[in-house]
Amino acid sequence: MSTHYADIRHNPGEEGMTTAEYAVGTVGATSIAGILVWLAQQDWFKDMISALFKKIFRL
């Protein structure tokens, strides 16, 4: 009885690729979060959201 295993070769050129992808995703997510925090602190944004909810609940 013989067992065949897939030949998996290690490609040294792709080391750290997933780490780099996670880093790009993390930077992107924190950038978007920072923009949302900045927006939430703006008076014009608060007024716009308040007016939007007032219109929604008036219907």
PDB file of N, CA and C in Angstrom:
ATOM      1  N   MET A   1       0.841  -1.167   0.000  1.00  0.00           N
ATOM      2  CA  MET A   1       0.000   0.000   0.000  1.00  0.00           C
ATOM      3  C   MET A   1       0.894   1.239   0.000  1.00  0.00           C
ATOM      4  N   SER A   2       0.666   2.139  -0.930  1.00  0.00           N
ATOM      5  CA  SER A   2       1.483   3.349  -0.950  1.00  0.00           C
ATOM      6  C   SER A   2       0.591   4.574  -0.796  1.00  0.00           C
ATOM      7  N   THR A   3       1.142   5.553  -0.147  1.00  0.00           N
ATOM      8  CA  THR A   3       0.412   6.801   0.066  1.00  0.00           C
ATOM      9  C   THR A   3       1.121   7.904  -0.705  1.00  0.00           C
ATOM     10  N   HIS A   4       0.352   8.665  -1.444  1.00  0.00           N
ATOM     11  CA  HIS A   4       0.923   9.764  -2.221  1.00  0.00           C
ATOM     12  C   HIS A   4       0.594  11.085  -1.528  1.00  0.00           C
ATOM     13  N   TYR A   5       1.600  11.873  -1.348  1.00  0.00           N
ATOM     14  CA  TYR A   5       1.421  13.192  -0.743  1.00  0.00           C
ATOM     15  C   TYR A   5       1.666  14.260  -1.804  1.00  0.00           C
ATOM     16  N   ALA A   6       0.946  15.335  -1.701  1.00  0.00           N
ATOM     17  CA  ALA A   6       1.150  16.444  -2.633  1.00  0.00           C
ATOM     18  C   ALA A   6       2.525  17.044  -2.381  1.00  0.00           C
ATOM     19  N   ASP A   7       3.172  17.397  -3.454  1.00  0.00           N
ATOM     20  CA  ASP A   7       4.491  18.014  -3.342  1.00  0.00           C
ATOM     21  C   ASP A   7       4.303  19.510  -3.090  1.00  0.00           C
ATOM     22  N   ILE A   8       4.488  19.906  -1.856  1.00  0.00           N
ATOM     23  CA  ILE A   8       4.335  21.309  -1.486  1.00  0.00           C
ATOM     24  C   ILE A   8       5.721  21.903  -1.339  1.00  0.00           C
ATOM     25  N   ARG A   9       6.015  22.838  -2.185  1.00  0.00           N
ATOM     26  CA  ARG A   9       7.330  23.478  -2.142  1.00  0.00           C
ATOM     27  C   ARG A   9       7.205  24.844  -1.488  1.00  0.00           C
ATOM     28  N   HIS A  10       8.202  25.163  -0.726  1.00  0.00           N
ATOM     29  CA  HIS A  10       8.236  26.451  -0.041  1.00  0.00           C
ATOM     30  C   HIS A  10       8.806  27.492  -0.989  1.00  0.00           C
ATOM     31  N   ASN A  11       8.053  28.544  -1.210  1.00  0.00           N
ATOM     32  CA  ASN A  11       8.511  29.621  -2.079  1.00  0.00           C
ATOM     33  C   ASN A  11       8.991  30.770  -1.195  1.00  0.00           C
ATOM     34  N   PRO A  12      10.300  30.951  -1.054  1.00  0.00           N
ATOM     35  CA  PRO A  12      10.810  31.978  -0.141  1.00  0.00           C
ATOM     36  C   PRO A  12      10.480  33.400  -0.579  1.00  0.00           C
ATOM     37  N   GLY A  13      10.089  33.601  -1.821  1.00  0.00           N
ATOM     38  CA  GLY A  13       9.768  34.940  -2.295  1.00  0.00           C
ATOM     39  C   GLY A  13       8.448  35.474  -1.768  1.00  0.00           C
ATOM     40  N   GLU A  14       7.627  34.608  -1.171  1.00  0.00           N
ATOM     41  CA  GLU A  14       6.322  35.047  -0.698  1.00  0.00           C
ATOM     42  C   GLU A  14       6.228  35.072   0.815  1.00  0.00           C
ATOM     43  N   GLU A  15       7.328  35.008   1.498  1.00  0.00           N
ATOM     44  CA  GLU A  15       7.293  35.086   2.954  1.00  0.00           C
ATOM     45  C   GLU A  15       6.838  36.470   3.380  1.00  0.00           C
ATOM     46  N   GLY A  16       5.984  36.515   4.366  1.00  0.00           N
ATOM     47  CA  GLY A  16       5.527  37.789   4.886  1.00  0.00           C
ATOM     48  C   GLY A  16       4.449  38.448   4.051  1.00  0.00           C
ATOM     49  N   MET A  17       3.987  37.769   3.015  1.00  0.00           N
ATOM     50  CA  MET A  17       2.976  38.374   2.158  1.00  0.00           C
ATOM     51  C   MET A  17       1.677  38.588   2.921  1.00  0.00           C
ATOM     52  N   THR A  18       1.264  37.626   3.706  1.00  0.00           N
ATOM     53  CA  THR A  18       0.017  37.801   4.445  1.00  0.00           C
ATOM     54  C   THR A  18       0.175  38.877   5.509  1.00  0.00           C
ATOM     55  N   THR A  19       1.338  38.979   6.100  1.00  0.00           N
ATOM     56  CA  THR A  19       1.570  40.021   7.093  1.00  0.00           C
ATOM     57  C   THR A  19       1.469  41.397   6.450  1.00  0.00           C
ATOM     58  N   ALA A  20       2.011  41.545   5.269  1.00  0.00           N
ATOM     59  CA  ALA A  20       1.924  42.826   4.558  1.00  0.00           C
ATOM     60  C   ALA A  20       0.477  43.152   4.204  1.00  0.00           C
ATOM     61  N   GLU A  21      -0.279  42.148   3.811  1.00  0.00           N
ATOM     62  CA  GLU A  21      -1.688  42.373   3.482  1.00  0.00           C
ATOM     63  C   GLU A  21      -2.470  42.785   4.721  1.00  0.00           C
ATOM     64  N   TYR A  22      -2.186  42.149   5.854  1.00  0.00           N
ATOM     65  CA  TYR A  22      -2.846  42.547   7.097  1.00  0.00           C
ATOM     66  C   TYR A  22      -2.470  43.971   7.477  1.00  0.00           C
ATOM     67  N   ALA A  23      -1.230  44.346   7.254  1.00  0.00           N
ATOM     68  CA  ALA A  23      -0.783  45.703   7.585  1.00  0.00           C
ATOM     69  C   ALA A  23      -1.515  46.731   6.730  1.00  0.00           C
ATOM     70  N   VAL A  24      -1.665  46.465   5.447  1.00  0.00           N
ATOM     71  CA  VAL A  24      -2.382  47.389   4.564  1.00  0.00           C
ATOM     72  C   VAL A  24      -3.847  47.487   4.984  1.00  0.00           C
ATOM     73  N   GLY A  25      -4.447  46.362   5.312  1.00  0.00           N
ATOM     74  CA  GLY A  25      -5.838  46.365   5.772  1.00  0.00           C
ATOM     75  C   GLY A  25      -6.015  47.122   7.075  1.00  0.00           C
ATOM     76  N   THR A  26      -5.068  46.953   7.982  1.00  0.00           N
ATOM     77  CA  THR A  26      -5.133  47.651   9.267  1.00  0.00           C
ATOM     78  C   THR A  26      -4.987  49.152   9.083  1.00  0.00           C
ATOM     79  N   VAL A  27      -4.058  49.564   8.246  1.00  0.00           N
ATOM     80  CA  VAL A  27      -3.875  51.000   7.981  1.00  0.00           C
ATOM     81  C   VAL A  27      -5.130  51.577   7.331  1.00  0.00           C
ATOM     82  N   GLY A  28      -5.707  50.844   6.407  1.00  0.00           N
ATOM     83  CA  GLY A  28      -6.934  51.311   5.758  1.00  0.00           C
ATOM     84  C   GLY A  28      -8.094  51.441   6.732  1.00  0.00           C
ATOM     85  N   ALA A  29      -8.263  50.432   7.581  1.00  0.00           N
ATOM     86  CA  ALA A  29      -9.360  50.458   8.553  1.00  0.00           C
ATOM     87  C   ALA A  29      -9.188  51.578   9.571  1.00  0.00           C
ATOM     88  N   THR A  30      -7.974  51.780  10.054  1.00  0.00           N
ATOM     89  CA  THR A  30      -7.759  52.846  11.031  1.00  0.00           C
ATOM     90  C   THR A  30      -7.885  54.223  10.387  1.00  0.00           C
ATOM     91  N   SER A  31      -7.543  54.336   9.122  1.00  0.00           N
ATOM     92  CA  SER A  31      -7.726  55.614   8.420  1.00  0.00           C
ATOM     93  C   SER A  31      -9.202  55.960   8.305  1.00  0.00           C
ATOM     94  N   ILE A  32     -10.007  54.982   7.928  1.00  0.00           N
ATOM     95  CA  ILE A  32     -11.450  55.205   7.825  1.00  0.00           C
ATOM     96  C   ILE A  32     -12.039  55.524   9.192  1.00  0.00           C
ATOM     97  N   ALA A  33     -11.595  54.815  10.225  1.00  0.00           N
ATOM     98  CA  ALA A  33     -12.076  55.095  11.580  1.00  0.00           C
ATOM     99  C   ALA A  33     -11.701  56.508  12.011  1.00  0.00           C
ATOM    100  N   GLY A  34     -10.505  56.939  11.688  1.00  0.00           N
ATOM    101  CA  GLY A  34     -10.076  58.296  12.028  1.00  0.00           C
ATOM    102  C   GLY A  34     -10.918  59.349  11.336  1.00  0.00           C
ATOM    103  N   ILE A  35     -11.253  59.111  10.081  1.00  0.00           N
ATOM    104  CA  ILE A  35     -12.104  60.049   9.345  1.00  0.00           C
ATOM    105  C   ILE A  35     -13.496  60.098   9.965  1.00  0.00           C
ATOM    106  N   LEU A  36     -14.033  58.937  10.349  1.00  0.00           N
ATOM    107  CA  LEU A  36     -15.353  58.910  10.975  1.00  0.00           C
ATOM    108  C   LEU A  36     -15.359  59.630  12.317  1.00  0.00           C
ATOM    109  N   VAL A  37     -14.303  59.466  13.099  1.00  0.00           N
ATOM    110  CA  VAL A  37     -14.202  60.177  14.377  1.00  0.00           C
ATOM    111  C   VAL A  37     -14.122  61.676  14.132  1.00  0.00           C
ATOM    112  N   TRP A  38     -13.327  62.080  13.157  1.00  0.00           N
ATOM    113  CA  TRP A  38     -13.210  63.506  12.831  1.00  0.00           C
ATOM    114  C   TRP A  38     -14.559  64.072  12.396  1.00  0.00           C
ATOM    115  N   LEU A  39     -15.281  63.325  11.546  1.00  0.00           N
ATOM    116  CA  LEU A  39     -16.595  63.774  11.099  1.00  0.00           C
ATOM    117  C   LEU A  39     -17.564  63.913  12.266  1.00  0.00           C
ATOM    118  N   ALA A  40     -17.552  62.950  13.172  1.00  0.00           N
ATOM    119  CA  ALA A  40     -18.473  62.960  14.308  1.00  0.00           C
ATOM    120  C   ALA A  40     -18.230  64.149  15.224  1.00  0.00           C
ATOM    121  N   GLN A  41     -17.069  64.739  15.177  1.00  0.00           N
ATOM    122  CA  GLN A  41     -16.749  65.886  16.028  1.00  0.00           C
ATOM    123  C   GLN A  41     -17.120  67.218  15.379  1.00  0.00           C
ATOM    124  N   GLN A  42     -17.499  67.199  14.117  1.00  0.00           N
ATOM    125  CA  GLN A  42     -17.828  68.434  13.405  1.00  0.00           C
ATOM    126  C   GLN A  42     -19.278  68.833  13.677  1.00  0.00           C
ATOM    127  N   ASP A  43     -19.503  70.117  13.957  1.00  0.00           N
ATOM    128  CA  ASP A  43     -20.854  70.599  14.251  1.00  0.00           C
ATOM    129  C   ASP A  43     -21.791  70.433  13.058  1.00  0.00           C
ATOM    130  N   TRP A  44     -21.305  70.716  11.849  1.00  0.00           N
ATOM    131  CA  TRP A  44     -22.163  70.597  10.677  1.00  0.00           C
ATOM    132  C   TRP A  44     -22.613  69.160  10.453  1.00  0.00           C
ATOM    133  N   PHE A  45     -21.758  68.202  10.794  1.00  0.00           N
ATOM    134  CA  PHE A  45     -22.110  66.790  10.632  1.00  0.00           C
ATOM    135  C   PHE A  45     -23.161  66.388  11.663  1.00  0.00           C
ATOM    136  N   LYS A  46     -22.986  66.862  12.908  1.00  0.00           N
ATOM    137  CA  LYS A  46     -23.974  66.579  13.958  1.00  0.00           C
ATOM    138  C   LYS A  46     -25.334  67.158  13.582  1.00  0.00           C
ATOM    139  N   ASP A  47     -25.335  68.393  13.056  1.00  0.00           N
ATOM    140  CA  ASP A  47     -26.591  69.023  12.638  1.00  0.00           C
ATOM    141  C   ASP A  47     -27.247  68.252  11.499  1.00  0.00           C
ATOM    142  N   MET A  48     -26.450  67.784  10.554  1.00  0.00           N
ATOM    143  CA  MET A  48     -26.984  67.039   9.421  1.00  0.00           C
ATOM    144  C   MET A  48     -27.611  65.718   9.884  1.00  0.00           C
ATOM    145  N   ILE A  49     -26.931  65.007  10.763  1.00  0.00           N
ATOM    146  CA  ILE A  49     -27.455  63.732  11.269  1.00  0.00           C
ATOM    147  C   ILE A  49     -28.718  63.961  12.088  1.00  0.00           C
ATOM    148  N   SER A  50     -28.713  65.012  12.896  1.00  0.00           N
ATOM    149  CA  SER A  50     -29.882  65.349  13.703  1.00  0.00           C
ATOM    150  C   SER A  50     -31.082  65.657  12.811  1.00  0.00           C
ATOM    151  N   ALA A  51     -30.879  66.454  11.780  1.00  0.00           N
ATOM    152  CA  ALA A  51     -31.963  66.789  10.850  1.00  0.00           C
ATOM    153  C   ALA A  51     -32.455  65.549  10.115  1.00  0.00           C
ATOM    154  N   LEU A  52     -31.552  64.676   9.751  1.00  0.00           N
ATOM    155  CA  LEU A  52     -31.928  63.446   9.059  1.00  0.00           C
ATOM    156  C   LEU A  52     -32.831  62.579   9.933  1.00  0.00           C
ATOM    157  N   PHE A  53     -32.450  62.394  11.196  1.00  0.00           N
ATOM    158  CA  PHE A  53     -33.257  61.572  12.093  1.00  0.00           C
ATOM    159  C   PHE A  53     -34.601  62.229  12.394  1.00  0.00           C
ATOM    160  N   LYS A  54     -34.628  63.552  12.495  1.00  0.00           N
ATOM    161  CA  LYS A  54     -35.898  64.247  12.717  1.00  0.00           C
ATOM    162  C   LYS A  54     -36.836  64.033  11.539  1.00  0.00           C
ATOM    163  N   LYS A  55     -36.310  64.082  10.316  1.00  0.00           N
ATOM    164  CA  LYS A  55     -37.135  63.844   9.131  1.00  0.00           C
ATOM    165  C   LYS A  55     -37.621  62.400   9.077  1.00  0.00           C
ATOM    166  N   ILE A  56     -36.759  61.470   9.438  1.00  0.00           N
ATOM    167  CA  ILE A  56     -37.135  60.050   9.407  1.00  0.00           C
ATOM    168  C   ILE A  56     -38.263  59.773  10.386  1.00  0.00           C
ATOM    169  N   PHE A  57     -38.153  60.279  11.596  1.00  0.00           N
ATOM    170  CA  PHE A  57     -39.143  59.962  12.619  1.00  0.00           C
ATOM    171  C   PHE A  57     -40.403  60.816  12.496  1.00  0.00           C
ATOM    172  N   ARG A  58     -40.349  61.883  11.702  1.00  0.00           N
ATOM    173  CA  ARG A  58     -41.536  62.691  11.455  1.00  0.00           C
ATOM    174  C   ARG A  58     -42.460  61.986  10.473  1.00  0.00           C
ATOM    175  N   LEU A  59     -41.902  61.134   9.621  1.00  0.00           N
ATOM    176  CA  LEU A  59     -42.712  60.408   8.642  1.00  0.00           C
ATOM    177  C   LEU A  59     -43.529  59.402   9.379  1.00  0.00           C
TER     178      LEU A  59
END
